[in-house]
């Protein structure tokens, strides 16, 4: 940090710009930080204006309505979070220390890096052990459904299939697969099927590390269910039926995901921790090539309450009236 000064773009050049003539990959030049993994993702946004402006909202500049702050949209746990940062940037010898544009007067990429850096790079190295590179395929838009869920001790934290007495109490989600993929290859021996991807993510585990809590060991199983049912399946079903598919392994990662291809039908997804009574919150995402019906399976909670009995003044005991007056006062 020796010699580092935090300066606003207005102190670095006479006419700073947020974005000049649209965003391009030349706006992203790596600085002293070894975060090329992030810069590659930012560069990919410049290839699609709709995606870019989902992350970098329109209407921000250093001229009209300038207030010294900028905001960005960053995806976390299935929702877009609005991240606001001021425009002070680290400099050394009068130049930006980290991400900068080629011409030096465009600052959207540097400010986006700052917004993402609200999670420190040290935390990233500690928490992530695997890097997956995804490419955009505009002709293959999948359908997505997202569910928030909870494992609670004694209620919905049943552990994996190794614990048959409690496995059934885990949250359950139904997937109705109806349309087969477009690329079926019956002649080549590949049976028609429906492709979908399940992604199970733990929520807020890094935040709870300060309390001695680490990532739970998580995974999921997929069961075929014949017949319509909108209720939570009980123990007998899982004792009598084997899973049709499951996550590759139960592992203590933030997210576990697996791609499947199954015949059309109704399936039940059971996300769980490996051991029972392990508490936590999670997000389950279902990606399907074709439209698929999904819903959370749960028993309806209802109760029949008796009609409230209304007493007339004459039915109230006189001793009770006197006691009430003494306590209530005049």
C-alpha atoms as a PDB file:
ATOM      1  CA  UNK A   1       0.000   0.000   0.000  1.00  0.00           C
ATOM      2  CA  UNK A   2       3.042   2.286   0.055  1.00  0.00           C
ATOM      3  CA  UNK A   3       2.535   5.197  -2.297  1.00  0.00           C
ATOM      4  CA  UNK A   4      -1.100   4.312  -3.078  1.00  0.00           C
ATOM      5  CA  UNK A   5      -3.518   7.227  -3.246  1.00  0.00           C
ATOM      6  CA  UNK A   6      -7.272   7.061  -3.694  1.00  0.00           C
ATOM      7  CA  UNK A   7      -8.448   9.542  -6.313  1.00  0.00           C
ATOM      8  CA  UNK A   8     -11.620  10.314  -8.195  1.00  0.00           C
ATOM      9  CA  UNK A   9     -11.624  10.080 -12.015  1.00  0.00           C
ATOM     10  CA  UNK A  10     -12.099  13.866 -12.121  1.00  0.00           C
ATOM     11  CA  UNK A  11      -8.648  14.139 -10.529  1.00  0.00           C
ATOM     12  CA  UNK A  12      -7.031  11.800 -13.071  1.00  0.00           C
ATOM     13  CA  UNK A  13      -8.144  13.363 -16.360  1.00  0.00           C
ATOM     14  CA  UNK A  14      -9.918  16.559 -17.440  1.00  0.00           C
ATOM     15  CA  UNK A  15     -12.987  14.873 -18.998  1.00  0.00           C
ATOM     16  CA  UNK A  16     -13.630  11.435 -17.482  1.00  0.00           C
ATOM     17  CA  UNK A  17     -16.288   9.273 -19.137  1.00  0.00           C
ATOM     18  CA  UNK A  18     -18.242   6.328 -17.772  1.00  0.00           C
ATOM     19  CA  UNK A  19     -18.698   4.605 -21.167  1.00  0.00           C
ATOM     20  CA  UNK A  20     -17.496   5.998 -24.506  1.00  0.00           C
ATOM     21  CA  UNK A  21     -19.219   4.828 -27.728  1.00  0.00           C
ATOM     22  CA  UNK A  22     -20.311   1.565 -26.150  1.00  0.00           C
ATOM     23  CA  UNK A  23     -18.284  -0.902 -24.123  1.00  0.00           C
ATOM     24  CA  UNK A  24     -15.589  -2.979 -25.827  1.00  0.00           C
ATOM     25  CA  UNK A  25     -12.929  -5.427 -24.726  1.00  0.00           C
ATOM     26  CA  UNK A  26     -10.293  -2.692 -25.134  1.00  0.00           C
ATOM     27  CA  UNK A  27     -11.891  -0.947 -22.148  1.00  0.00           C
ATOM     28  CA  UNK A  28     -10.491  -3.702 -19.929  1.00  0.00           C
ATOM     29  CA  UNK A  29      -6.751  -3.676 -19.300  1.00  0.00           C
ATOM     30  CA  UNK A  30      -5.418  -5.714 -16.397  1.00  0.00           C
ATOM     31  CA  UNK A  31      -3.562  -3.936 -13.639  1.00  0.00           C
ATOM     32  CA  UNK A  32      -1.435  -5.097 -10.716  1.00  0.00           C
ATOM     33  CA  UNK A  33      -4.068  -7.538  -9.429  1.00  0.00           C
ATOM     34  CA  UNK A  34      -4.030 -11.074 -10.835  1.00  0.00           C
ATOM     35  CA  UNK A  35      -7.760 -11.214 -11.511  1.00  0.00           C
ATOM     36  CA  UNK A  36      -7.797 -12.169 -15.178  1.00  0.00           C
ATOM     37  CA  UNK A  37     -10.606 -14.624 -14.332  1.00  0.00           C
ATOM     38  CA  UNK A  38     -12.836 -11.657 -13.484  1.00  0.00           C
ATOM     39  CA  UNK A  39     -11.689  -9.553 -16.422  1.00  0.00           C
ATOM     40  CA  UNK A  40     -12.471 -12.388 -18.840  1.00  0.00           C
ATOM     41  CA  UNK A  41     -16.034 -12.489 -17.497  1.00  0.00           C
ATOM     42  CA  UNK A  42     -16.349  -8.696 -17.763  1.00  0.00           C
ATOM     43  CA  UNK A  43     -14.983  -8.785 -21.321  1.00  0.00           C
ATOM     44  CA  UNK A  44     -17.591 -11.370 -22.313  1.00  0.00           C
ATOM     45  CA  UNK A  45     -20.319  -8.946 -21.234  1.00  0.00           C
ATOM     46  CA  UNK A  46     -19.211  -6.475 -23.919  1.00  0.00           C
ATOM     47  CA  UNK A  47     -20.265  -8.980 -26.601  1.00  0.00           C
ATOM     48  CA  UNK A  48     -23.931  -8.689 -25.610  1.00  0.00           C
ATOM     49  CA  UNK A  49     -25.427  -5.282 -24.818  1.00  0.00           C
ATOM     50  CA  UNK A  50     -28.422  -6.742 -22.996  1.00  0.00           C
ATOM     51  CA  UNK A  51     -26.200  -8.709 -20.623  1.00  0.00           C
ATOM     52  CA  UNK A  52     -23.815  -5.790 -20.182  1.00  0.00           C
ATOM     53  CA  UNK A  53     -26.531  -3.380 -19.129  1.00  0.00           C
ATOM     54  CA  UNK A  54     -28.048  -5.974 -16.789  1.00  0.00           C
ATOM     55  CA  UNK A  55     -24.796  -5.663 -14.833  1.00  0.00           C
ATOM     56  CA  UNK A  56     -23.882  -2.070 -15.729  1.00  0.00           C
ATOM     57  CA  UNK A  57     -27.156  -0.088 -15.720  1.00  0.00           C
ATOM     58  CA  UNK A  58     -27.804   2.688 -18.242  1.00  0.00           C
ATOM     59  CA  UNK A  59     -27.875   6.376 -17.419  1.00  0.00           C
ATOM     60  CA  UNK A  60     -24.691   6.780 -15.365  1.00  0.00           C
ATOM     61  CA  UNK A  61     -22.113   9.436 -16.152  1.00  0.00           C
ATOM     62  CA  UNK A  62     -19.660  11.948 -14.730  1.00  0.00           C
ATOM     63  CA  UNK A  63     -21.732  14.828 -16.120  1.00  0.00           C
ATOM     64  CA  UNK A  64     -25.525  14.650 -15.767  1.00  0.00           C
ATOM     65  CA  UNK A  65     -26.681  13.831 -12.261  1.00  0.00           C
ATOM     66  CA  UNK A  66     -23.145  13.039 -11.064  1.00  0.00           C
ATOM     67  CA  UNK A  67     -23.057  12.388  -7.305  1.00  0.00           C
ATOM     68  CA  UNK A  68     -19.723  10.597  -6.865  1.00  0.00           C
ATOM     69  CA  UNK A  69     -21.313   7.132  -6.704  1.00  0.00           C
ATOM     70  CA  UNK A  70     -22.165   4.424  -9.228  1.00  0.00           C
ATOM     71  CA  UNK A  71     -24.221   1.257  -8.963  1.00  0.00           C
ATOM     72  CA  UNK A  72     -23.983  -2.187 -10.523  1.00  0.00           C
ATOM     73  CA  UNK A  73     -26.085  -5.352 -10.489  1.00  0.00           C
ATOM     74  CA  UNK A  74     -24.263  -8.482  -9.291  1.00  0.00           C
ATOM     75  CA  UNK A  75     -25.932 -11.915  -9.151  1.00  0.00           C
ATOM     76  CA  UNK A  76     -25.821 -13.771  -5.836  1.00  0.00           C
ATOM     77  CA  UNK A  77     -27.865 -16.744  -4.605  1.00  0.00           C
ATOM     78  CA  UNK A  78     -30.452 -16.480  -7.357  1.00  0.00           C
ATOM     79  CA  UNK A  79     -31.120 -12.753  -7.167  1.00  0.00           C
ATOM     80  CA  UNK A  80     -29.583  -9.555  -8.509  1.00  0.00           C
ATOM     81  CA  UNK A  81     -28.073  -7.335  -5.822  1.00  0.00           C
ATOM     82  CA  UNK A  82     -27.620  -3.622  -6.347  1.00  0.00           C
ATOM     83  CA  UNK A  83     -24.039  -2.794  -5.319  1.00  0.00           C
ATOM     84  CA  UNK A  84     -23.216   0.890  -4.843  1.00  0.00           C
ATOM     85  CA  UNK A  85     -19.636   2.194  -4.738  1.00  0.00           C
ATOM     86  CA  UNK A  86     -18.095   5.635  -4.620  1.00  0.00           C
ATOM     87  CA  UNK A  87     -15.712   6.539  -7.442  1.00  0.00           C
ATOM     88  CA  UNK A  88     -12.503   6.758  -5.416  1.00  0.00           C
ATOM     89  CA  UNK A  89     -10.006   4.440  -7.137  1.00  0.00           C
ATOM     90  CA  UNK A  90      -6.516   3.322  -6.028  1.00  0.00           C
ATOM     91  CA  UNK A  91      -3.694   5.006  -7.947  1.00  0.00           C
ATOM     92  CA  UNK A  92       0.073   5.004  -7.865  1.00  0.00           C
ATOM     93  CA  UNK A  93       2.230   7.626  -9.541  1.00  0.00           C
ATOM     94  CA  UNK A  94      -0.921   9.208 -10.936  1.00  0.00           C
ATOM     95  CA  UNK A  95      -2.151   6.061 -12.722  1.00  0.00           C
ATOM     96  CA  UNK A  96      -4.843   3.519 -11.902  1.00  0.00           C
ATOM     97  CA  UNK A  97      -3.373   0.594 -10.013  1.00  0.00           C
ATOM     98  CA  UNK A  98      -5.850  -2.039 -11.185  1.00  0.00           C
ATOM     99  CA  UNK A  99      -8.245  -2.337 -14.147  1.00  0.00           C
ATOM    100  CA  UNK A 100      -8.147   0.600 -16.551  1.00  0.00           C
ATOM    101  CA  UNK A 101      -9.135   1.459 -20.114  1.00  0.00           C
ATOM    102  CA  UNK A 102      -6.639   1.696 -22.957  1.00  0.00           C
ATOM    103  CA  UNK A 103      -7.122   5.451 -23.444  1.00  0.00           C
ATOM    104  CA  UNK A 104      -7.295   6.147 -19.699  1.00  0.00           C
ATOM    105  CA  UNK A 105     -10.456   8.252 -19.696  1.00  0.00           C
ATOM    106  CA  UNK A 106     -13.132   5.523 -19.484  1.00  0.00           C
ATOM    107  CA  UNK A 107     -13.943   4.173 -16.016  1.00  0.00           C
ATOM    108  CA  UNK A 108     -16.887   1.727 -16.110  1.00  0.00           C
ATOM    109  CA  UNK A 109     -14.623  -1.339 -15.955  1.00  0.00           C
ATOM    110  CA  UNK A 110     -12.543   0.010 -13.053  1.00  0.00           C
ATOM    111  CA  UNK A 111     -15.671   0.828 -11.053  1.00  0.00           C
ATOM    112  CA  UNK A 112     -17.246  -2.562 -11.809  1.00  0.00           C
ATOM    113  CA  UNK A 113     -14.085  -4.248 -10.522  1.00  0.00           C
ATOM    114  CA  UNK A 114     -14.374  -2.188  -7.345  1.00  0.00           C
ATOM    115  CA  UNK A 115     -18.025  -3.212  -6.904  1.00  0.00           C
ATOM    116  CA  UNK A 116     -17.139  -6.884  -7.254  1.00  0.00           C
ATOM    117  CA  UNK A 117     -14.161  -6.458  -4.902  1.00  0.00           C
ATOM    118  CA  UNK A 118     -16.505  -5.969  -1.967  1.00  0.00           C
ATOM    119  CA  UNK A 119     -15.614  -9.636  -1.597  1.00  0.00           C
ATOM    120  CA  UNK A 120     -11.856  -9.718  -1.103  1.00  0.00           C
ATOM    121  CA  UNK A 121      -9.586 -11.660  -3.437  1.00  0.00           C
ATOM    122  CA  UNK A 122      -8.175 -13.527  -0.419  1.00  0.00           C
ATOM    123  CA  UNK A 123     -11.678 -14.792   0.381  1.00  0.00           C
ATOM    124  CA  UNK A 124     -12.081 -15.914  -3.223  1.00  0.00           C
ATOM    125  CA  UNK A 125      -8.883 -17.977  -3.062  1.00  0.00           C
ATOM    126  CA  UNK A 126      -9.950 -19.546   0.224  1.00  0.00           C
ATOM    127  CA  UNK A 127     -13.497 -20.401  -0.803  1.00  0.00           C
ATOM    128  CA  UNK A 128     -13.153 -21.518  -4.433  1.00  0.00           C
ATOM    129  CA  UNK A 129     -11.182 -24.542  -5.588  1.00  0.00           C
ATOM    130  CA  UNK A 130     -12.642 -25.073  -9.049  1.00  0.00           C
ATOM    131  CA  UNK A 131     -13.027 -22.723 -12.007  1.00  0.00           C
ATOM    132  CA  UNK A 132     -15.613 -23.421 -14.698  1.00  0.00           C
ATOM    133  CA  UNK A 133     -15.632 -21.484 -17.974  1.00  0.00           C
ATOM    134  CA  UNK A 134     -19.040 -21.036 -19.600  1.00  0.00           C
ATOM    135  CA  UNK A 135     -19.769 -19.810 -23.108  1.00  0.00           C
ATOM    136  CA  UNK A 136     -22.865 -18.016 -24.359  1.00  0.00           C
ATOM    137  CA  UNK A 137     -24.964 -19.974 -26.837  1.00  0.00           C
ATOM    138  CA  UNK A 138     -27.779 -17.630 -27.937  1.00  0.00           C
ATOM    139  CA  UNK A 139     -29.644 -20.344 -29.873  1.00  0.00           C
ATOM    140  CA  UNK A 140     -30.088 -22.552 -26.798  1.00  0.00           C
ATOM    141  CA  UNK A 141     -32.094 -20.624 -24.227  1.00  0.00           C
ATOM    142  CA  UNK A 142     -33.039 -22.842 -21.299  1.00  0.00           C
ATOM    143  CA  UNK A 143     -35.885 -22.378 -18.863  1.00  0.00           C
ATOM    144  CA  UNK A 144     -34.979 -21.608 -15.259  1.00  0.00           C
ATOM    145  CA  UNK A 145     -36.833 -21.996 -11.977  1.00  0.00           C
ATOM    146  CA  UNK A 146     -35.434 -21.072  -8.566  1.00  0.00           C
ATOM    147  CA  UNK A 147     -36.504 -22.172  -5.091  1.00  0.00           C
ATOM    148  CA  UNK A 148     -35.318 -21.022  -1.669  1.00  0.00           C
ATOM    149  CA  UNK A 149     -35.261 -23.742   0.964  1.00  0.00           C
ATOM    150  CA  UNK A 150     -34.185 -24.470   4.519  1.00  0.00           C
ATOM    151  CA  UNK A 151     -32.850 -27.419   6.470  1.00  0.00           C
ATOM    152  CA  UNK A 152     -33.920 -27.199  10.118  1.00  0.00           C
ATOM    153  CA  UNK A 153     -33.059 -29.622  12.921  1.00  0.00           C
ATOM    154  CA  UNK A 154     -35.949 -31.924  13.779  1.00  0.00           C
ATOM    155  CA  UNK A 155     -38.089 -30.540  10.966  1.00  0.00           C
ATOM    156  CA  UNK A 156     -36.545 -30.526   7.479  1.00  0.00           C
ATOM    157  CA  UNK A 157     -32.929 -31.666   8.027  1.00  0.00           C
ATOM    158  CA  UNK A 158     -33.191 -35.385   7.337  1.00  0.00           C
ATOM    159  CA  UNK A 159     -29.745 -36.171   5.961  1.00  0.00           C
ATOM    160  CA  UNK A 160     -29.013 -38.312   2.895  1.00  0.00           C
ATOM    161  CA  UNK A 161     -30.476 -41.649   1.775  1.00  0.00           C
ATOM    162  CA  UNK A 162     -28.207 -43.449   4.274  1.00  0.00           C
ATOM    163  CA  UNK A 163     -30.642 -42.299   6.969  1.00  0.00           C
ATOM    164  CA  UNK A 164     -33.974 -43.826   5.850  1.00  0.00           C
ATOM    165  CA  UNK A 165     -35.775 -42.947   9.078  1.00  0.00           C
ATOM    166  CA  UNK A 166     -35.406 -39.215   8.473  1.00  0.00           C
ATOM    167  CA  UNK A 167     -34.532 -38.812   4.772  1.00  0.00           C
ATOM    168  CA  UNK A 168     -38.169 -38.205   3.827  1.00  0.00           C
ATOM    169  CA  UNK A 169     -38.482 -35.044   5.943  1.00  0.00           C
ATOM    170  CA  UNK A 170     -36.085 -33.138   3.656  1.00  0.00           C
ATOM    171  CA  UNK A 171     -37.605 -30.499   1.351  1.00  0.00           C
ATOM    172  CA  UNK A 172     -38.986 -32.024  -1.856  1.00  0.00           C
ATOM    173  CA  UNK A 173     -39.478 -30.493  -5.305  1.00  0.00           C
ATOM    174  CA  UNK A 174     -41.408 -31.890  -8.255  1.00  0.00           C
ATOM    175  CA  UNK A 175     -40.215 -31.703 -11.874  1.00  0.00           C
ATOM    176  CA  UNK A 176     -42.665 -32.587 -14.640  1.00  0.00           C
ATOM    177  CA  UNK A 177     -40.704 -33.447 -17.817  1.00  0.00           C
ATOM    178  CA  UNK A 178     -42.939 -33.548 -20.879  1.00  0.00           C
ATOM    179  CA  UNK A 179     -41.083 -32.436 -24.015  1.00  0.00           C
ATOM    180  CA  UNK A 180     -38.065 -34.380 -25.282  1.00  0.00           C
ATOM    181  CA  UNK A 181     -34.923 -32.649 -26.543  1.00  0.00           C
ATOM    182  CA  UNK A 182     -34.672 -31.494 -30.145  1.00  0.00           C
ATOM    183  CA  UNK A 183     -31.469 -33.469 -30.758  1.00  0.00           C
ATOM    184  CA  UNK A 184     -32.888 -36.954 -30.116  1.00  0.00           C
ATOM    185  CA  UNK A 185     -30.890 -39.716 -31.826  1.00  0.00           C
ATOM    186  CA  UNK A 186     -33.014 -42.824 -31.856  1.00  0.00           C
ATOM    187  CA  UNK A 187     -31.214 -44.255 -34.891  1.00  0.00           C
ATOM    188  CA  UNK A 188     -27.898 -43.933 -33.110  1.00  0.00           C
ATOM    189  CA  UNK A 189     -29.160 -45.804 -30.083  1.00  0.00           C
ATOM    190  CA  UNK A 190     -29.853 -42.741 -27.964  1.00  0.00           C
ATOM    191  CA  UNK A 191     -33.330 -42.864 -26.488  1.00  0.00           C
ATOM    192  CA  UNK A 192     -35.450 -39.712 -26.518  1.00  0.00           C
ATOM    193  CA  UNK A 193     -35.057 -37.852 -23.269  1.00  0.00           C
ATOM    194  CA  UNK A 194     -35.425 -34.539 -21.490  1.00  0.00           C
ATOM    195  CA  UNK A 195     -32.279 -32.695 -20.476  1.00  0.00           C
ATOM    196  CA  UNK A 196     -32.183 -30.657 -17.304  1.00  0.00           C
ATOM    197  CA  UNK A 197     -29.605 -29.412 -14.843  1.00  0.00           C
ATOM    198  CA  UNK A 198     -29.904 -29.171 -11.071  1.00  0.00           C
ATOM    199  CA  UNK A 199     -27.777 -26.742  -9.072  1.00  0.00           C
ATOM    200  CA  UNK A 200     -27.882 -26.762  -5.258  1.00  0.00           C
ATOM    201  CA  UNK A 201     -26.188 -23.811  -3.547  1.00  0.00           C
ATOM    202  CA  UNK A 202     -25.648 -23.162   0.160  1.00  0.00           C
ATOM    203  CA  UNK A 203     -26.450 -19.637   1.318  1.00  0.00           C
ATOM    204  CA  UNK A 204     -24.426 -17.369   3.588  1.00  0.00           C
ATOM    205  CA  UNK A 205     -21.952 -20.036   4.770  1.00  0.00           C
ATOM    206  CA  UNK A 206     -18.921 -17.759   4.422  1.00  0.00           C
ATOM    207  CA  UNK A 207     -20.659 -15.199   6.591  1.00  0.00           C
ATOM    208  CA  UNK A 208     -21.130 -17.825   9.317  1.00  0.00           C
ATOM    209  CA  UNK A 209     -17.493 -18.914   9.288  1.00  0.00           C
ATOM    210  CA  UNK A 210     -16.860 -16.428  12.099  1.00  0.00           C
ATOM    211  CA  UNK A 211     -19.129 -18.591  14.273  1.00  0.00           C
ATOM    212  CA  UNK A 212     -17.111 -21.712  13.519  1.00  0.00           C
ATOM    213  CA  UNK A 213     -19.490 -23.007  10.832  1.00  0.00           C
ATOM    214  CA  UNK A 214     -18.009 -24.386   7.627  1.00  0.00           C
ATOM    215  CA  UNK A 215     -19.623 -25.535   4.399  1.00  0.00           C
ATOM    216  CA  UNK A 216     -22.012 -28.439   4.902  1.00  0.00           C
ATOM    217  CA  UNK A 217     -21.644 -31.601   2.819  1.00  0.00           C
ATOM    218  CA  UNK A 218     -24.568 -31.415   0.381  1.00  0.00           C
ATOM    219  CA  UNK A 219     -26.096 -33.242  -2.566  1.00  0.00           C
ATOM    220  CA  UNK A 220     -29.431 -34.372  -3.970  1.00  0.00           C
ATOM    221  CA  UNK A 221     -31.320 -37.396  -5.260  1.00  0.00           C
ATOM    222  CA  UNK A 222     -33.936 -37.657  -8.020  1.00  0.00           C
ATOM    223  CA  UNK A 223     -36.844 -40.127  -7.772  1.00  0.00           C
ATOM    224  CA  UNK A 224     -39.388 -41.056 -10.408  1.00  0.00           C
ATOM    225  CA  UNK A 225     -42.933 -40.742  -9.120  1.00  0.00           C
ATOM    226  CA  UNK A 226     -45.763 -42.438 -11.006  1.00  0.00           C
ATOM    227  CA  UNK A 227     -49.091 -40.732 -10.549  1.00  0.00           C
ATOM    228  CA  UNK A 228     -50.029 -37.194  -9.718  1.00  0.00           C
ATOM    229  CA  UNK A 229     -49.270 -36.004  -6.236  1.00  0.00           C
ATOM    230  CA  UNK A 230     -49.079 -32.581  -4.690  1.00  0.00           C
ATOM    231  CA  UNK A 231     -48.113 -33.631  -1.187  1.00  0.00           C
ATOM    232  CA  UNK A 232     -44.860 -34.319   0.589  1.00  0.00           C
ATOM    233  CA  UNK A 233     -43.855 -37.968   0.032  1.00  0.00           C
ATOM    234  CA  UNK A 234     -43.474 -40.057   3.159  1.00  0.00           C
ATOM    235  CA  UNK A 235     -40.968 -42.613   4.421  1.00  0.00           C
ATOM    236  CA  UNK A 236     -42.648 -45.650   2.825  1.00  0.00           C
ATOM    237  CA  UNK A 237     -42.158 -44.258  -0.682  1.00  0.00           C
ATOM    238  CA  UNK A 238     -38.393 -43.887  -0.284  1.00  0.00           C
ATOM    239  CA  UNK A 239     -38.040 -47.309   1.349  1.00  0.00           C
ATOM    240  CA  UNK A 240     -39.728 -48.910  -1.658  1.00  0.00           C
ATOM    241  CA  UNK A 241     -38.132 -46.893  -4.483  1.00  0.00           C
ATOM    242  CA  UNK A 242     -34.541 -46.391  -5.571  1.00  0.00           C
ATOM    243  CA  UNK A 243     -33.379 -43.070  -6.968  1.00  0.00           C
ATOM    244  CA  UNK A 244     -33.278 -42.627 -10.743  1.00  0.00           C
ATOM    245  CA  UNK A 245     -30.397 -40.146 -10.574  1.00  0.00           C
ATOM    246  CA  UNK A 246     -28.379 -38.218  -8.016  1.00  0.00           C
ATOM    247  CA  UNK A 247     -25.624 -35.664  -7.681  1.00  0.00           C
ATOM    248  CA  UNK A 248     -22.187 -36.949  -8.587  1.00  0.00           C
ATOM    249  CA  UNK A 249     -21.195 -36.839  -4.939  1.00  0.00           C
ATOM    250  CA  UNK A 250     -21.969 -35.299  -1.578  1.00  0.00           C
ATOM    251  CA  UNK A 251     -19.270 -32.710  -1.006  1.00  0.00           C
ATOM    252  CA  UNK A 252     -18.677 -29.626   1.128  1.00  0.00           C
ATOM    253  CA  UNK A 253     -18.735 -27.079  -1.705  1.00  0.00           C
ATOM    254  CA  UNK A 254     -20.840 -23.952  -1.904  1.00  0.00           C
ATOM    255  CA  UNK A 255     -22.623 -25.337  -4.975  1.00  0.00           C
ATOM    256  CA  UNK A 256     -23.177 -28.826  -6.370  1.00  0.00           C
ATOM    257  CA  UNK A 257     -24.551 -29.183  -9.901  1.00  0.00           C
ATOM    258  CA  UNK A 258     -25.208 -32.109 -12.246  1.00  0.00           C
ATOM    259  CA  UNK A 259     -26.759 -32.417 -15.697  1.00  0.00           C
ATOM    260  CA  UNK A 260     -29.276 -35.198 -16.339  1.00  0.00           C
ATOM    261  CA  UNK A 261     -31.195 -36.686 -19.252  1.00  0.00           C
ATOM    262  CA  UNK A 262     -34.278 -38.694 -18.259  1.00  0.00           C
ATOM    263  CA  UNK A 263     -37.396 -39.976 -20.042  1.00  0.00           C
ATOM    264  CA  UNK A 264     -40.535 -37.830 -19.835  1.00  0.00           C
ATOM    265  CA  UNK A 265     -42.342 -38.209 -16.545  1.00  0.00           C
ATOM    266  CA  UNK A 266     -42.753 -36.846 -13.042  1.00  0.00           C
ATOM    267  CA  UNK A 267     -39.705 -36.716 -10.778  1.00  0.00           C
ATOM    268  CA  UNK A 268     -39.065 -35.679  -7.193  1.00  0.00           C
ATOM    269  CA  UNK A 269     -35.833 -33.890  -6.251  1.00  0.00           C
ATOM    270  CA  UNK A 270     -34.685 -34.230  -2.639  1.00  0.00           C
ATOM    271  CA  UNK A 271     -31.815 -31.873  -1.677  1.00  0.00           C
ATOM    272  CA  UNK A 272     -30.119 -32.708   1.609  1.00  0.00           C
ATOM    273  CA  UNK A 273     -27.050 -32.507   3.761  1.00  0.00           C
ATOM    274  CA  UNK A 274     -25.100 -35.745   4.141  1.00  0.00           C
ATOM    275  CA  UNK A 275     -25.882 -36.103   7.853  1.00  0.00           C
ATOM    276  CA  UNK A 276     -29.240 -35.327   9.491  1.00  0.00           C
ATOM    277  CA  UNK A 277     -29.828 -32.336  11.782  1.00  0.00           C
ATOM    278  CA  UNK A 278     -27.415 -30.081   9.888  1.00  0.00           C
ATOM    279  CA  UNK A 279     -29.030 -26.671   9.565  1.00  0.00           C
ATOM    280  CA  UNK A 280     -28.696 -24.229   6.696  1.00  0.00           C
ATOM    281  CA  UNK A 281     -30.405 -22.290   3.922  1.00  0.00           C
ATOM    282  CA  UNK A 282     -30.111 -23.193   0.262  1.00  0.00           C
ATOM    283  CA  UNK A 283     -31.101 -22.244  -3.275  1.00  0.00           C
ATOM    284  CA  UNK A 284     -32.177 -24.944  -5.729  1.00  0.00           C
ATOM    285  CA  UNK A 285     -32.115 -23.992  -9.406  1.00  0.00           C
ATOM    286  CA  UNK A 286     -33.685 -26.103 -12.152  1.00  0.00           C
ATOM    287  CA  UNK A 287     -32.544 -25.507 -15.736  1.00  0.00           C
ATOM    288  CA  UNK A 288     -34.418 -27.353 -18.497  1.00  0.00           C
ATOM    289  CA  UNK A 289     -33.924 -27.336 -22.265  1.00  0.00           C
ATOM    290  CA  UNK A 290     -37.675 -27.609 -22.759  1.00  0.00           C
ATOM    291  CA  UNK A 291     -40.381 -26.162 -20.577  1.00  0.00           C
ATOM    292  CA  UNK A 292     -40.823 -28.241 -17.424  1.00  0.00           C
ATOM    293  CA  UNK A 293     -43.351 -27.890 -14.658  1.00  0.00           C
ATOM    294  CA  UNK A 294     -41.789 -27.523 -11.216  1.00  0.00           C
ATOM    295  CA  UNK A 295     -43.189 -26.952  -7.742  1.00  0.00           C
ATOM    296  CA  UNK A 296     -42.297 -27.439  -4.107  1.00  0.00           C
ATOM    297  CA  UNK A 297     -43.982 -30.430  -2.498  1.00  0.00           C
ATOM    298  CA  UNK A 298     -45.506 -29.682   0.872  1.00  0.00           C
ATOM    299  CA  UNK A 299     -48.403 -30.753   3.036  1.00  0.00           C
ATOM    300  CA  UNK A 300     -51.119 -28.179   3.468  1.00  0.00           C
ATOM    301  CA  UNK A 301     -51.192 -26.779   6.979  1.00  0.00           C
ATOM    302  CA  UNK A 302     -54.735 -26.210   8.123  1.00  0.00           C
ATOM    303  CA  UNK A 303     -56.828 -26.332  11.255  1.00  0.00           C
ATOM    304  CA  UNK A 304     -60.534 -26.210  12.004  1.00  0.00           C
ATOM    305  CA  UNK A 305     -61.084 -23.674  14.746  1.00  0.00           C
ATOM    306  CA  UNK A 306     -64.262 -23.776  16.849  1.00  0.00           C
ATOM    307  CA  UNK A 307     -66.572 -20.800  16.683  1.00  0.00           C
ATOM    308  CA  UNK A 308     -65.748 -18.240  19.330  1.00  0.00           C
ATOM    309  CA  UNK A 309     -68.404 -18.135  22.021  1.00  0.00           C
ATOM    310  CA  UNK A 310     -69.674 -14.630  22.701  1.00  0.00           C
ATOM    311  CA  UNK A 311     -71.051 -14.022  26.194  1.00  0.00           C
ATOM    312  CA  UNK A 312     -73.746 -11.502  26.959  1.00  0.00           C
ATOM    313  CA  UNK A 313     -73.405  -9.091  29.878  1.00  0.00           C
ATOM    314  CA  UNK A 314     -75.882 -11.090  31.945  1.00  0.00           C
ATOM    315  CA  UNK A 315     -73.811 -14.278  31.596  1.00  0.00           C
ATOM    316  CA  UNK A 316     -70.675 -12.790  33.167  1.00  0.00           C
ATOM    317  CA  UNK A 317     -70.144 -13.689  36.827  1.00  0.00           C
ATOM    318  CA  UNK A 318     -70.637 -10.760  39.231  1.00  0.00           C
ATOM    319  CA  UNK A 319     -67.470 -11.606  41.197  1.00  0.00           C
ATOM    320  CA  UNK A 320     -65.471 -11.462  37.969  1.00  0.00           C
ATOM    321  CA  UNK A 321     -66.991  -8.062  37.143  1.00  0.00           C
ATOM    322  CA  UNK A 322     -65.998  -6.692  40.551  1.00  0.00           C
ATOM    323  CA  UNK A 323     -62.451  -8.042  40.221  1.00  0.00           C
ATOM    324  CA  UNK A 324     -62.134  -6.512  36.760  1.00  0.00           C
ATOM    325  CA  UNK A 325     -63.240  -3.087  38.038  1.00  0.00           C
ATOM    326  CA  UNK A 326     -60.697  -3.231  40.889  1.00  0.00           C
ATOM    327  CA  UNK A 327     -57.846  -4.054  38.546  1.00  0.00           C
ATOM    328  CA  UNK A 328     -58.879  -1.757  35.688  1.00  0.00           C
ATOM    329  CA  UNK A 329     -59.592   1.246  37.887  1.00  0.00           C
ATOM    330  CA  UNK A 330     -62.178   3.966  37.313  1.00  0.00           C
END
